C-alpha atoms as a PDB file:
ATOM      1  CA  MET A   1      46.845  33.781   5.481  1.00  0.00           C
ATOM      2  CA  SER A   2      50.028  31.890   4.510  1.00  0.00           C
ATOM      3  CA  ALA A   3      48.556  28.688   5.941  1.00  0.00           C
ATOM      4  CA  ILE A   4      45.479  29.111   3.777  1.00  0.00           C
ATOM      5  CA  ILE A   5      47.606  29.684   0.671  1.00  0.00           C
ATOM      6  CA  LEU A   6      49.736  26.620   1.457  1.00  0.00           C
ATOM      7  CA  VAL A   7      46.642  24.489   1.931  1.00  0.00           C
ATOM      8  CA  GLY A   8      45.216  25.727  -1.350  1.00  0.00           C
ATOM      9  CA  LEU A   9      48.435  25.001  -3.287  1.00  0.00           C
ATOM     10  CA  LEU A  10      48.782  21.507  -1.858  1.00  0.00           C
ATOM     11  CA  SER A  11      45.158  20.764  -2.634  1.00  0.00           C
ATOM     12  CA  LEU A  12      45.567  22.063  -6.183  1.00  0.00           C
ATOM     13  CA  VAL A  13      48.618  19.868  -6.810  1.00  0.00           C
ATOM     14  CA  ALA A  14      46.902  16.781  -5.408  1.00  0.00           C
ATOM     15  CA  VAL A  15      43.750  17.314  -7.406  1.00  0.00           C
ATOM     16  CA  ALA A  16      45.747  18.024 -10.577  1.00  0.00           C
ATOM     17  CA  CYS A  17      47.584  14.734 -10.196  1.00  0.00           C
ATOM     18  CA  LEU A  18      44.348  12.867  -9.710  1.00  0.00           C
ATOM     19  CA  VAL A  19      42.675  14.519 -12.688  1.00  0.00           C
ATOM     20  CA  LEU A  20      45.622  13.823 -14.991  1.00  0.00           C
ATOM     21  CA  ARG A  21      45.907  10.168 -13.990  1.00  0.00           C
ATOM     22  CA  LEU A  22      42.214   9.208 -13.950  1.00  0.00           C
ATOM     23  CA  PRO A  23      40.002   8.684 -16.982  1.00  0.00           C
ATOM     24  CA  ALA A  24      36.817  10.732 -17.341  1.00  0.00           C
ATOM     25  CA  PRO A  25      34.453   9.692 -14.534  1.00  0.00           C
ATOM     26  CA  ALA A  26      31.101   8.142 -15.268  1.00  0.00           C
ATOM     27  CA  ALA A  27      28.640  10.921 -14.490  1.00  0.00           C
ATOM     28  CA  ALA A  28      25.918   8.450 -13.719  1.00  0.00           C
ATOM     29  CA  ALA A  29      27.709   6.932 -10.741  1.00  0.00           C
ATOM     30  CA  GLY A  30      27.118   9.731  -8.235  1.00  0.00           C
ATOM     31  CA  THR A  31      23.698  10.509  -9.696  1.00  0.00           C
ATOM     32  CA  ALA A  32      22.569   6.881  -9.559  1.00  0.00           C
ATOM     33  CA  GLY A  33      23.830   6.413  -6.008  1.00  0.00           C
ATOM     34  CA  GLY A  34      22.050   9.523  -4.756  1.00  0.00           C
ATOM     35  CA  ARG A  35      18.830   8.614  -6.521  1.00  0.00           C
ATOM     36  CA  ARG A  36      19.007   5.047  -5.175  1.00  0.00           C
ATOM     37  CA  ALA A  37      19.206   6.395  -1.611  1.00  0.00           C
ATOM     38  CA  GLN A  38      16.222   8.693  -2.253  1.00  0.00           C
ATOM     39  CA  ILE A  39      14.116   5.824  -3.634  1.00  0.00           C
ATOM     40  CA  GLU A  40      14.999   3.555  -0.687  1.00  0.00           C
ATOM     41  CA  ASP A  41      13.986   6.315   1.745  1.00  0.00           C
ATOM     42  CA  SER A  42      10.721   6.817  -0.170  1.00  0.00           C
ATOM     43  CA  LEU A  43       9.983   3.082   0.003  1.00  0.00           C
ATOM     44  CA  ALA A  44      10.526   3.153   3.771  1.00  0.00           C
ATOM     45  CA  GLU A  45       8.224   6.168   4.160  1.00  0.00           C
ATOM     46  CA  LEU A  46       5.652   4.449   1.925  1.00  0.00           C
ATOM     47  CA  ALA A  47       5.673   1.384   4.168  1.00  0.00           C
ATOM     48  CA  ARG A  48       5.183   3.566   7.254  1.00  0.00           C
ATOM     49  CA  ALA A  49       2.279   5.389   5.611  1.00  0.00           C
ATOM     50  CA  ARG A  50       0.619   2.061   4.790  1.00  0.00           C
ATOM     51  CA  ALA A  51       1.119   0.761   8.338  1.00  0.00           C
ATOM     52  CA  GLU A  52      -0.509   3.912   9.736  1.00  0.00           C
ATOM     53  CA  GLY A  53      -3.498   3.579   7.403  1.00  0.00           C
ATOM     54  CA  VAL A  54      -2.753   6.821   5.517  1.00  0.00           C
ATOM     55  CA  ILE A  55      -3.027   5.040   2.147  1.00  0.00           C
ATOM     56  CA  ASP A  56      -4.900   1.924   1.090  1.00  0.00           C
ATOM     57  CA  ALA A  57      -3.354  -1.346  -0.090  1.00  0.00           C
ATOM     58  CA  ALA A  58      -3.956  -0.746  -3.797  1.00  0.00           C
ATOM     59  CA  SER A  59      -2.381   2.734  -3.798  1.00  0.00           C
ATOM     60  CA  PHE A  60       0.504   1.373  -1.713  1.00  0.00           C
ATOM     61  CA  ASP A  61       1.142  -1.459  -4.224  1.00  0.00           C
ATOM     62  CA  ASP A  62       0.861   0.918  -7.171  1.00  0.00           C
ATOM     63  CA  GLU A  63       3.408   3.426  -5.834  1.00  0.00           C
ATOM     64  CA  ARG A  64       5.734   0.723  -4.514  1.00  0.00           C
ATOM     65  CA  GLN A  65       5.810  -0.967  -7.947  1.00  0.00           C
ATOM     66  CA  ARG A  66       6.587   2.380  -9.595  1.00  0.00           C
ATOM     67  CA  LEU A  67       9.478   3.073  -7.208  1.00  0.00           C
ATOM     68  CA  GLN A  68      10.860  -0.476  -7.454  1.00  0.00           C
ATOM     69  CA  ALA A  69      10.686  -0.298 -11.250  1.00  0.00           C
ATOM     70  CA  GLU A  70      12.679   2.935 -11.209  1.00  0.00           C
ATOM     71  CA  LEU A  71      15.157   1.400  -8.742  1.00  0.00           C
ATOM     72  CA  SER A  72      15.710  -1.623 -10.988  1.00  0.00           C
ATOM     73  CA  GLN A  73      16.598   0.674 -13.921  1.00  0.00           C
ATOM     74  CA  LEU A  74      19.385   2.489 -12.054  1.00  0.00           C
ATOM     75  CA  PRO A  75      22.931   1.313 -12.902  1.00  0.00           C
ATOM     76  CA  ALA A  76      24.777  -0.528 -10.157  1.00  0.00           C
ATOM     77  CA  ASP A  77      27.660   1.371  -8.594  1.00  0.00           C
ATOM     78  CA  ASP A  78      30.143  -1.225  -9.831  1.00  0.00           C
ATOM     79  CA  ASP A  79      28.799  -0.934 -13.388  1.00  0.00           C
ATOM     80  CA  ALA A  80      28.837   2.877 -13.386  1.00  0.00           C
ATOM     81  CA  VAL A  81      32.667   3.174 -13.159  1.00  0.00           C
ATOM     82  CA  PRO A  82      34.588   2.063 -16.283  1.00  0.00           C
ATOM     83  CA  ALA A  83      37.740   0.005 -16.062  1.00  0.00           C
ATOM     84  CA  ARG A  84      40.950   2.038 -15.784  1.00  0.00           C
ATOM     85  CA  PRO A  85      43.597   1.638 -18.482  1.00  0.00           C
ATOM     86  CA  ALA A  86      47.014   0.337 -17.455  1.00  0.00           C
ATOM     87  CA  ARG A  87      49.383   3.217 -16.642  1.00  0.00           C
ATOM     88  CA  THR A  88      52.632   3.859 -14.783  1.00  0.00           C
ATOM     89  CA  TRP A  89      51.619   3.648 -11.182  1.00  0.00           C
ATOM     90  CA  TRP A  90      54.321   5.279  -9.053  1.00  0.00           C
ATOM     91  CA  PRO A  91      53.655   9.018  -9.801  1.00  0.00           C
ATOM     92  CA  PHE A  92      50.020   8.551  -9.015  1.00  0.00           C
ATOM     93  CA  ALA A  93      50.830   6.643  -5.823  1.00  0.00           C
ATOM     94  CA  LEU A  94      53.226   9.360  -4.722  1.00  0.00           C
ATOM     95  CA  ALA A  95      50.594  12.063  -5.244  1.00  0.00           C
ATOM     96  CA  VAL A  96      47.985  10.108  -3.312  1.00  0.00           C
ATOM     97  CA  LEU A  97      50.214   8.985  -0.429  1.00  0.00           C
ATOM     98  CA  VAL A  98      51.931  12.338   0.170  1.00  0.00           C
ATOM     99  CA  LEU A  99      50.079  15.315  -1.195  1.00  0.00           C
ATOM    100  CA  LEU A 100      46.456  14.308  -0.765  1.00  0.00           C
ATOM    101  CA  PRO A 101      46.608  13.222   2.931  1.00  0.00           C
ATOM    102  CA  LEU A 102      48.554  16.385   3.768  1.00  0.00           C
ATOM    103  CA  ALA A 103      46.049  18.600   2.011  1.00  0.00           C
ATOM    104  CA  SER A 104      43.083  16.756   3.507  1.00  0.00           C
ATOM    105  CA  GLY A 105      44.474  16.998   7.024  1.00  0.00           C
ATOM    106  CA  SER A 106      45.102  20.718   6.682  1.00  0.00           C
ATOM    107  CA  LEU A 107      41.635  21.315   5.327  1.00  0.00           C
ATOM    108  CA  TYR A 108      40.115  19.296   8.151  1.00  0.00           C
ATOM    109  CA  LEU A 109      41.899  21.342  10.825  1.00  0.00           C
ATOM    110  CA  PHE A 110      40.939  24.613   9.198  1.00  0.00           C
ATOM    111  CA  LEU A 111      37.359  23.875   8.149  1.00  0.00           C
ATOM    112  CA  GLN A 112      36.228  20.939  10.285  1.00  0.00           C
ATOM    113  CA  GLY A 113      33.092  22.568  11.742  1.00  0.00           C
ATOM    114  CA  PRO A 114      31.500  24.144   8.649  1.00  0.00           C
ATOM    115  CA  PHE A 115      32.661  21.314   6.393  1.00  0.00           C
ATOM    116  CA  TRP A 116      31.003  18.480   8.324  1.00  0.00           C
ATOM    117  CA  GLN A 117      27.849  20.516   8.888  1.00  0.00           C
ATOM    118  CA  ALA A 118      27.560  21.122   5.155  1.00  0.00           C
ATOM    119  CA  LEU A 119      28.295  17.449   4.433  1.00  0.00           C
ATOM    120  CA  ASP A 120      25.596  16.257   6.831  1.00  0.00           C
ATOM    121  CA  ALA A 121      23.101  18.652   5.277  1.00  0.00           C
ATOM    122  CA  SER A 122      23.941  17.430   1.765  1.00  0.00           C
ATOM    123  CA  ARG A 123      23.571  13.790   2.834  1.00  0.00           C
ATOM    124  CA  ALA A 124      20.164  14.466   4.315  1.00  0.00           C
ATOM    125  CA  GLY A 125      19.013  15.763   0.924  1.00  0.00           C
ATOM    126  CA  PRO A 126      15.414  16.230  -0.149  1.00  0.00           C
ATOM    127  CA  ALA A 127      14.524  12.552   0.390  1.00  0.00           C
ATOM    128  CA  ALA A 128      14.823  12.881   4.177  1.00  0.00           C
ATOM    129  CA  THR A 129      12.370  15.752   4.256  1.00  0.00           C
ATOM    130  CA  SER A 130       9.948  14.451   1.617  1.00  0.00           C
ATOM    131  CA  PRO A 131       7.501  11.995   3.221  1.00  0.00           C
ATOM    132  CA  VAL A 132       5.094  10.058   1.042  1.00  0.00           C
ATOM    133  CA  ASP A 133       2.210  12.302   0.020  1.00  0.00           C
ATOM    134  CA  PRO A 134      -1.021  10.343  -0.704  1.00  0.00           C
ATOM    135  CA  ALA A 135      -2.445  13.347  -2.555  1.00  0.00           C
ATOM    136  CA  ALA A 136       0.622  13.394  -4.828  1.00  0.00           C
ATOM    137  CA  MET A 137       0.227   9.690  -5.546  1.00  0.00           C
ATOM    138  CA  VAL A 138      -3.434  10.251  -6.426  1.00  0.00           C
ATOM    139  CA  ALA A 139      -2.438  13.123  -8.712  1.00  0.00           C
ATOM    140  CA  SER A 140       0.033  10.812 -10.451  1.00  0.00           C
ATOM    141  CA  LEU A 141      -2.670   8.173 -10.913  1.00  0.00           C
ATOM    142  CA  GLU A 142      -5.061  10.809 -12.248  1.00  0.00           C
ATOM    143  CA  ALA A 143      -2.465  11.865 -14.809  1.00  0.00           C
ATOM    144  CA  ARG A 144      -1.962   8.279 -15.924  1.00  0.00           C
ATOM    145  CA  LEU A 145      -5.694   7.750 -16.354  1.00  0.00           C
ATOM    146  CA  ALA A 146      -5.981  10.994 -18.294  1.00  0.00           C
ATOM    147  CA  ALA A 147      -3.547   9.457 -20.789  1.00  0.00           C
ATOM    148  CA  ASN A 148      -5.108   5.978 -20.671  1.00  0.00           C
ATOM    149  CA  GLY A 149      -8.780   6.157 -19.792  1.00  0.00           C
ATOM    150  CA  ASP A 150      -9.414   2.455 -20.495  1.00  0.00           C
ATOM    151  CA  ASP A 151      -7.454   1.177 -17.487  1.00  0.00           C
ATOM    152  CA  VAL A 152     -10.142  -0.527 -15.367  1.00  0.00           C
ATOM    153  CA  GLU A 153      -7.781  -1.421 -12.538  1.00  0.00           C
ATOM    154  CA  GLY A 154      -6.522   2.155 -12.490  1.00  0.00           C
ATOM    155  CA  TRP A 155     -10.044   3.546 -12.068  1.00  0.00           C
ATOM    156  CA  LYS A 156     -10.739   1.069  -9.243  1.00  0.00           C
ATOM    157  CA  ARG A 157      -7.535   2.113  -7.491  1.00  0.00           C
ATOM    158  CA  LEU A 158      -8.417   5.747  -7.956  1.00  0.00           C
ATOM    159  CA  GLY A 159     -11.850   5.129  -6.439  1.00  0.00           C
ATOM    160  CA  ARG A 160     -10.307   3.437  -3.390  1.00  0.00           C
ATOM    161  CA  SER A 161      -7.808   6.280  -3.050  1.00  0.00           C
ATOM    162  CA  TYR A 162     -10.584   8.862  -3.094  1.00  0.00           C
ATOM    163  CA  VAL A 163     -12.369   6.933  -0.332  1.00  0.00           C
ATOM    164  CA  VAL A 164      -9.210   7.068   1.811  1.00  0.00           C
ATOM    165  CA  LEU A 165      -8.841  10.807   1.157  1.00  0.00           C
ATOM    166  CA  GLY A 166     -12.490  11.467   2.087  1.00  0.00           C
ATOM    167  CA  ARG A 167     -13.638  12.444  -1.415  1.00  0.00           C
ATOM    168  CA  PRO A 168     -16.844  10.384  -1.865  1.00  0.00           C
ATOM    169  CA  ASP A 169     -18.153  12.284  -4.899  1.00  0.00           C
ATOM    170  CA  ASP A 170     -14.902  11.713  -6.777  1.00  0.00           C
ATOM    171  CA  ALA A 171     -14.893   8.065  -5.653  1.00  0.00           C
ATOM    172  CA  ARG A 172     -18.390   7.522  -7.062  1.00  0.00           C
ATOM    173  CA  ARG A 173     -17.348   9.011 -10.396  1.00  0.00           C
ATOM    174  CA  ALA A 174     -14.235   6.813 -10.537  1.00  0.00           C
ATOM    175  CA  TYR A 175     -16.205   3.652  -9.778  1.00  0.00           C
ATOM    176  CA  ASP A 176     -18.836   4.634 -12.343  1.00  0.00           C
ATOM    177  CA  ARG A 177     -16.124   4.973 -14.987  1.00  0.00           C
ATOM    178  CA  ALA A 178     -14.779   1.538 -14.027  1.00  0.00           C
ATOM    179  CA  ALA A 179     -18.280   0.033 -14.220  1.00  0.00           C
ATOM    180  CA  ALA A 180     -18.725   1.452 -17.713  1.00  0.00           C
ATOM    181  CA  LEU A 181     -15.543  -0.348 -18.792  1.00  0.00           C
ATOM    182  CA  ALA A 182     -16.139  -3.631 -16.895  1.00  0.00           C
ATOM    183  CA  PRO A 183     -19.893  -4.031 -16.235  1.00  0.00           C
ATOM    184  CA  ASP A 184     -19.485  -7.569 -14.825  1.00  0.00           C
ATOM    185  CA  ASP A 185     -16.711  -6.849 -12.303  1.00  0.00           C
ATOM    186  CA  MET A 186     -18.224  -7.390  -8.853  1.00  0.00           C
ATOM    187  CA  ALA A 187     -15.183  -5.812  -7.173  1.00  0.00           C
ATOM    188  CA  ILE A 188     -16.356  -2.460  -8.525  1.00  0.00           C
ATOM    189  CA  LEU A 189     -19.607  -2.756  -6.582  1.00  0.00           C
ATOM    190  CA  GLU A 190     -17.649  -3.783  -3.497  1.00  0.00           C
ATOM    191  CA  GLY A 191     -15.646  -0.573  -3.674  1.00  0.00           C
ATOM    192  CA  TYR A 192     -18.663   1.545  -4.524  1.00  0.00           C
ATOM    193  CA  ALA A 193     -20.537   0.227  -1.462  1.00  0.00           C
ATOM    194  CA  ALA A 194     -18.250   2.343   0.764  1.00  0.00           C
ATOM    195  CA  VAL A 195     -19.636   5.544  -0.798  1.00  0.00           C
ATOM    196  CA  ALA A 196     -23.062   4.324  -1.957  1.00  0.00           C
ATOM    197  CA  GLU A 197     -25.947   6.771  -2.251  1.00  0.00           C
ATOM    198  CA  ASP A 198     -29.663   6.460  -2.980  1.00  0.00           C
ATOM    199  CA  ALA A 199     -29.259   7.436  -6.644  1.00  0.00           C
ATOM    200  CA  PRO A 200     -26.190   5.625  -8.019  1.00  0.00           C
ATOM    201  CA  PRO A 201     -24.428   6.963 -11.132  1.00  0.00           C
ATOM    202  CA  PRO A 202     -25.500   5.567 -14.525  1.00  0.00           C
ATOM    203  CA  ALA A 203     -23.047   2.687 -15.048  1.00  0.00           C
ATOM    204  CA  ILE A 204     -23.342   1.536 -11.427  1.00  0.00           C
ATOM    205  CA  ALA A 205     -27.152   1.717 -11.637  1.00  0.00           C
ATOM    206  CA  ALA A 206     -27.090  -0.365 -14.832  1.00  0.00           C
ATOM    207  CA  MET A 207     -24.902  -2.981 -13.132  1.00  0.00           C
ATOM    208  CA  ILE A 208     -27.260  -3.166 -10.134  1.00  0.00           C
ATOM    209  CA  GLU A 209     -30.301  -3.522 -12.386  1.00  0.00           C
ATOM    210  CA  ARG A 210     -28.639  -6.260 -14.432  1.00  0.00           C
ATOM    211  CA  LEU A 211     -27.802  -8.267 -11.311  1.00  0.00           C
ATOM    212  CA  GLU A 212     -31.347  -7.908 -10.003  1.00  0.00           C
ATOM    213  CA  GLN A 213     -32.793  -9.138 -13.296  1.00  0.00           C
ATOM    214  CA  ALA A 214     -30.357 -12.075 -13.406  1.00  0.00           C
ATOM    215  CA  ALA A 215     -31.609 -13.256 -10.001  1.00  0.00           C
ATOM    216  CA  LEU A 216     -35.226 -13.017 -11.088  1.00  0.00           C
ATOM    217  CA  ALA A 217     -34.426 -14.907 -14.289  1.00  0.00           C
ATOM    218  CA  ALA A 218     -32.709 -17.726 -12.349  1.00  0.00           C
ATOM    219  CA  PRO A 219     -34.657 -18.010  -9.078  1.00  0.00           C
ATOM    220  CA  GLN A 220     -33.016 -21.352  -8.204  1.00  0.00           C
ATOM    221  CA  ASP A 221     -29.438 -20.124  -8.608  1.00  0.00           C
ATOM    222  CA  PRO A 222     -27.958 -19.257  -5.182  1.00  0.00           C
ATOM    223  CA  ALA A 223     -24.971 -17.438  -6.743  1.00  0.00           C
ATOM    224  CA  ALA A 224     -27.357 -15.134  -8.613  1.00  0.00           C
ATOM    225  CA  TRP A 225     -29.103 -14.265  -5.343  1.00  0.00           C
ATOM    226  CA  VAL A 226     -25.768 -13.528  -3.667  1.00  0.00           C
ATOM    227  CA  ARG A 227     -24.913 -11.094  -6.462  1.00  0.00           C
ATOM    228  CA  ALA A 228     -28.394  -9.566  -6.218  1.00  0.00           C
ATOM    229  CA  GLY A 229     -27.933  -9.102  -2.467  1.00  0.00           C
ATOM    230  CA  PHE A 230     -24.613  -7.419  -3.053  1.00  0.00           C
ATOM    231  CA  ALA A 231     -26.196  -5.118  -5.628  1.00  0.00           C
ATOM    232  CA  ARG A 232     -28.986  -4.172  -3.219  1.00  0.00           C
ATOM    233  CA  ALA A 233     -26.441  -3.408  -0.500  1.00  0.00           C
ATOM    234  CA  ALA A 234     -24.567  -1.129  -2.915  1.00  0.00           C
ATOM    235  CA  ARG A 235     -27.859   0.663  -3.573  1.00  0.00           C
ATOM    236  CA  GLY A 236     -28.387   1.130   0.164  1.00  0.00           C
ATOM    237  CA  ASP A 237     -31.204  -1.441   0.440  1.00  0.00           C
ATOM    238  CA  ARG A 238     -29.924  -3.410   3.441  1.00  0.00           C
ATOM    239  CA  ALA A 239     -33.225  -5.170   4.127  1.00  0.00           C
ATOM    240  CA  GLY A 240     -33.465  -6.261   0.502  1.00  0.00           C
ATOM    241  CA  ALA A 241     -29.874  -7.471   0.618  1.00  0.00           C
ATOM    242  CA  ARG A 242     -30.575  -9.637   3.673  1.00  0.00           C
ATOM    243  CA  ASP A 243     -33.603 -11.143   1.924  1.00  0.00           C
ATOM    244  CA  ALA A 244     -31.483 -12.012  -1.108  1.00  0.00           C
ATOM    245  CA  TYR A 245     -28.750 -13.593   1.024  1.00  0.00           C
ATOM    246  CA  ALA A 246     -31.358 -15.551   2.993  1.00  0.00           C
ATOM    247  CA  ARG A 247     -32.815 -16.864  -0.281  1.00  0.00           C
ATOM    248  CA  ALA A 248     -29.363 -17.988  -1.416  1.00  0.00           C
ATOM    249  CA  HIS A 249     -28.812 -19.687   1.951  1.00  0.00           C
ATOM    250  CA  GLU A 250     -32.086 -21.578   1.607  1.00  0.00           C
ATOM    251  CA  LEU A 251     -31.045 -22.870  -1.807  1.00  0.00           C
ATOM    252  CA  ASP A 252     -27.490 -23.920  -0.887  1.00  0.00           C
ATOM    253  CA  PRO A 253     -26.484 -23.537   2.782  1.00  0.00           C
ATOM    254  CA  GLN A 254     -23.111 -25.277   2.287  1.00  0.00           C
ATOM    255  CA  ARG A 255     -21.589 -23.164  -0.477  1.00  0.00           C
ATOM    256  CA  PRO A 256     -18.789 -20.997   1.035  1.00  0.00           C
ATOM    257  CA  GLU A 257     -19.653 -17.756  -0.808  1.00  0.00           C
ATOM    258  CA  VAL A 258     -23.315 -18.170   0.151  1.00  0.00           C
ATOM    259  CA  LEU A 259     -22.429 -18.809   3.789  1.00  0.00           C
ATOM    260  CA  ALA A 260     -20.042 -15.838   3.848  1.00  0.00           C
ATOM    261  CA  ALA A 261     -22.662 -13.433   2.476  1.00  0.00           C
ATOM    262  CA  TYR A 262     -25.423 -14.779   4.705  1.00  0.00           C
ATOM    263  CA  ALA A 263     -23.241 -14.673   7.844  1.00  0.00           C
ATOM    264  CA  ALA A 264     -22.064 -11.133   7.086  1.00  0.00           C
ATOM    265  CA  SER A 265     -25.640  -9.884   6.638  1.00  0.00           C
ATOM    266  CA  ALA A 266     -26.685 -11.471   9.943  1.00  0.00           C
ATOM    267  CA  TYR A 267     -23.631 -10.067  11.719  1.00  0.00           C
ATOM    268  CA  ALA A 268     -24.267  -6.559  10.355  1.00  0.00           C
ATOM    269  CA  LEU A 269     -27.526  -6.392  12.327  1.00  0.00           C
ATOM    270  CA  ASN A 270     -25.544  -6.076  15.575  1.00  0.00           C
ATOM    271  CA  PRO A 271     -21.734  -6.004  15.156  1.00  0.00           C
ATOM    272  CA  ARG A 272     -21.188  -5.307  18.880  1.00  0.00           C
ATOM    273  CA  GLU A 273     -22.939  -8.487  19.965  1.00  0.00           C
ATOM    274  CA  PRO A 274     -23.180 -11.143  17.217  1.00  0.00           C
ATOM    275  CA  SER A 275     -26.486 -13.007  17.091  1.00  0.00           C
ATOM    276  CA  ASP A 276     -26.732 -16.777  17.462  1.00  0.00           C
ATOM    277  CA  GLU A 277     -27.694 -16.903  13.783  1.00  0.00           C
ATOM    278  CA  ALA A 278     -24.502 -15.095  12.726  1.00  0.00           C
ATOM    279  CA  VAL A 279     -22.279 -17.216  15.000  1.00  0.00           C
ATOM    280  CA  ALA A 280     -23.815 -20.453  13.698  1.00  0.00           C
ATOM    281  CA  ALA A 281     -23.272 -19.362  10.104  1.00  0.00           C
ATOM    282  CA  TYR A 282     -19.649 -18.440  10.773  1.00  0.00           C
ATOM    283  CA  ARG A 283     -19.041 -21.782  12.497  1.00  0.00           C
ATOM    284  CA  LYS A 284     -20.219 -23.551   9.332  1.00  0.00           C
ATOM    285  CA  LEU A 285     -18.061 -21.258   7.221  1.00  0.00           C
ATOM    286  CA  ILE A 286     -14.863 -21.820   9.215  1.00  0.00           C
ATOM    287  CA  ALA A 287     -15.368 -25.575   8.920  1.00  0.00           C
ATOM    288  CA  LEU A 288     -15.175 -25.107   5.139  1.00  0.00           C
ATOM    289  CA  GLN A 289     -12.591 -22.294   5.151  1.00  0.00           C
ATOM    290  CA  PRO A 290     -10.377 -22.536   8.279  1.00  0.00           C
ATOM    291  CA  ASP A 291      -8.487 -19.339   7.362  1.00  0.00           C
ATOM    292  CA  ASN A 292     -11.531 -17.136   6.732  1.00  0.00           C
ATOM    293  CA  ALA A 293     -10.648 -13.802   8.396  1.00  0.00           C
ATOM    294  CA  SER A 294     -14.224 -12.691   9.071  1.00  0.00           C
ATOM    295  CA  ALA A 295     -15.116 -16.004  10.708  1.00  0.00           C
ATOM    296  CA  LEU A 296     -12.003 -15.962  12.926  1.00  0.00           C
ATOM    297  CA  TRP A 297     -12.759 -12.425  14.068  1.00  0.00           C
ATOM    298  CA  VAL A 298     -16.461 -12.925  14.818  1.00  0.00           C
ATOM    299  CA  LEU A 299     -16.026 -16.304  16.523  1.00  0.00           C
ATOM    300  CA  GLY A 300     -13.298 -14.815  18.723  1.00  0.00           C
ATOM    301  CA  GLN A 301     -15.595 -11.928  19.578  1.00  0.00           C
ATOM    302  CA  ALA A 302     -18.468 -14.306  20.401  1.00  0.00           C
ATOM    303  CA  ALA A 303     -16.218 -16.465  22.609  1.00  0.00           C
ATOM    304  CA  GLN A 304     -14.969 -13.403  24.512  1.00  0.00           C
ATOM    305  CA  LEU A 305     -18.530 -12.180  25.131  1.00  0.00           C
ATOM    306  CA  ALA A 306     -19.514 -15.686  26.290  1.00  0.00           C
ATOM    307  CA  GLY A 307     -16.760 -15.688  28.955  1.00  0.00           C
ATOM    308  CA  ARG A 308     -14.289 -17.947  27.126  1.00  0.00           C
ATOM    309  CA  PRO A 309     -11.196 -15.711  26.790  1.00  0.00           C
ATOM    310  CA  ASP A 310      -8.755 -18.530  25.997  1.00  0.00           C
ATOM    311  CA  GLU A 311     -10.887 -19.640  23.051  1.00  0.00           C
ATOM    312  CA  ALA A 312     -11.191 -16.022  21.897  1.00  0.00           C
ATOM    313  CA  ARG A 313      -7.432 -15.509  21.999  1.00  0.00           C
ATOM    314  CA  ASP A 314      -6.931 -18.680  19.991  1.00  0.00           C
ATOM    315  CA  TYR A 315      -9.207 -17.418  17.194  1.00  0.00           C
ATOM    316  CA  TRP A 316      -7.621 -13.951  17.185  1.00  0.00           C
ATOM    317  CA  GLN A 317      -4.065 -15.288  17.263  1.00  0.00           C
ATOM    318  CA  ARG A 318      -4.837 -17.436  14.234  1.00  0.00           C
ATOM    319  CA  LEU A 319      -6.291 -14.372  12.523  1.00  0.00           C
ATOM    320  CA  LEU A 320      -3.253 -12.216  13.359  1.00  0.00           C
ATOM    321  CA  GLU A 321      -0.911 -14.786  11.811  1.00  0.00           C
ATOM    322  CA  ARG A 322      -2.849 -14.660   8.541  1.00  0.00           C
ATOM    323  CA  LEU A 323      -3.158 -10.881   8.143  1.00  0.00           C
ATOM    324  CA  PRO A 324      -0.436  -9.136   6.088  1.00  0.00           C
ATOM    325  CA  GLU A 325       1.641  -6.283   7.456  1.00  0.00           C
ATOM    326  CA  GLY A 326      -0.070  -2.933   6.933  1.00  0.00           C
ATOM    327  CA  GLU A 327      -3.587  -4.373   6.974  1.00  0.00           C
ATOM    328  CA  PRO A 328      -5.726  -2.063   9.197  1.00  0.00           C
ATOM    329  CA  LEU A 329      -7.526  -5.014  10.814  1.00  0.00           C
ATOM    330  CA  ARG A 330      -4.160  -6.402  11.930  1.00  0.00           C
ATOM    331  CA  ALA A 331      -3.548  -3.394  14.186  1.00  0.00           C
ATOM    332  CA  GLN A 332      -7.041  -3.769  15.666  1.00  0.00           C
ATOM    333  CA  VAL A 333      -6.515  -7.474  16.380  1.00  0.00           C
ATOM    334  CA  GLN A 334      -3.140  -6.751  17.959  1.00  0.00           C
ATOM    335  CA  ARG A 335      -4.677  -4.158  20.290  1.00  0.00           C
ATOM    336  CA  VAL A 336      -7.436  -6.569  21.299  1.00  0.00           C
ATOM    337  CA  LEU A 337      -4.911  -9.303  22.057  1.00  0.00           C
ATOM    338  CA  GLU A 338      -2.889  -6.839  24.149  1.00  0.00           C
ATOM    339  CA  GLY A 339      -6.012  -5.776  26.026  1.00  0.00           C
ATOM    340  CA  THR A 340      -5.777  -2.149  24.898  1.00  0.00           C
ATOM    341  CA  ALA A 341      -8.967  -2.203  22.792  1.00  0.00           C
ATOM    342  CA  PRO A 342     -12.417  -3.734  23.394  1.00  0.00           C
ATOM    343  CA  PRO A 343     -13.480  -6.737  21.281  1.00  0.00           C
ATOM    344  CA  GLY A 344     -16.126  -4.782  19.379  1.00  0.00           C
ATOM    345  CA  GLY A 345     -16.775  -4.748  15.674  1.00  0.00           C
ATOM    346  CA  PRO A 346     -13.707  -4.496  13.438  1.00  0.00           C
END
């Protein structure tokens, strides 16, 4: 008991000296440092979730920007502690050099087990046990759109997020809201195609009808036929989409966007074994766009099926070097190159 009392008195004296000699601490220093560690852990978890395909690229970028913005607003540790005024130094030095080490050593011997266990638990904190929750990120985006319903990019991101979470009805509603705000944005139809149904919602249906009419009004415009083909695909009319892409290809077989649409429609007929028509179209496309990801993938697949593995690996290695980290296709290409996955459709 006497040892405990002695330890307590020594600690009290040391702390009293420190408190009397130091100015008022900046409360934000500890808070900012702890929050900075939590945000860095959340960014790491966010990157892992993206690499595992739990969230899509748009949701990943949205949440990462939010966290990085919050991180940039935190005060630096050096800025959080104000400069100390000049004071007589020797009483403070005596307290630190004699009383504080003695008190700390006594406390360590007496409480070393429970103390370090508690310290480790406090360092772990909530950030270590709070992985990124895609549903929470979607809820945050929903709240933002409830406050600002005119954010087209936000509605597109929300639609993509719903697709990832397996909520097609919600995704269709989000894309329909985006189409009502930006009726000429083709990226909206691209996203909607992942959850397309026979009877599209009103704004999507109006966009599809407008694209169809534009093609009929300009029958010699290959770009109009490409857009019409895309609209038909979003409506679920695959045969009609192929006809539109074929018409565009007849009008201008050298335009990259025409070749890309035409090749993709031909490839979609049999993704496991690309037709000669699809391979020929992708060969023309890669001559115009050497870094085209779809062309590199399909030509590698065709070479592998034709018994030319070295050529296939060359195409796929070039593709791997061009795909960003976290892209789902990158993992597929890596597995194919390692021989752990068959060279089927992506």
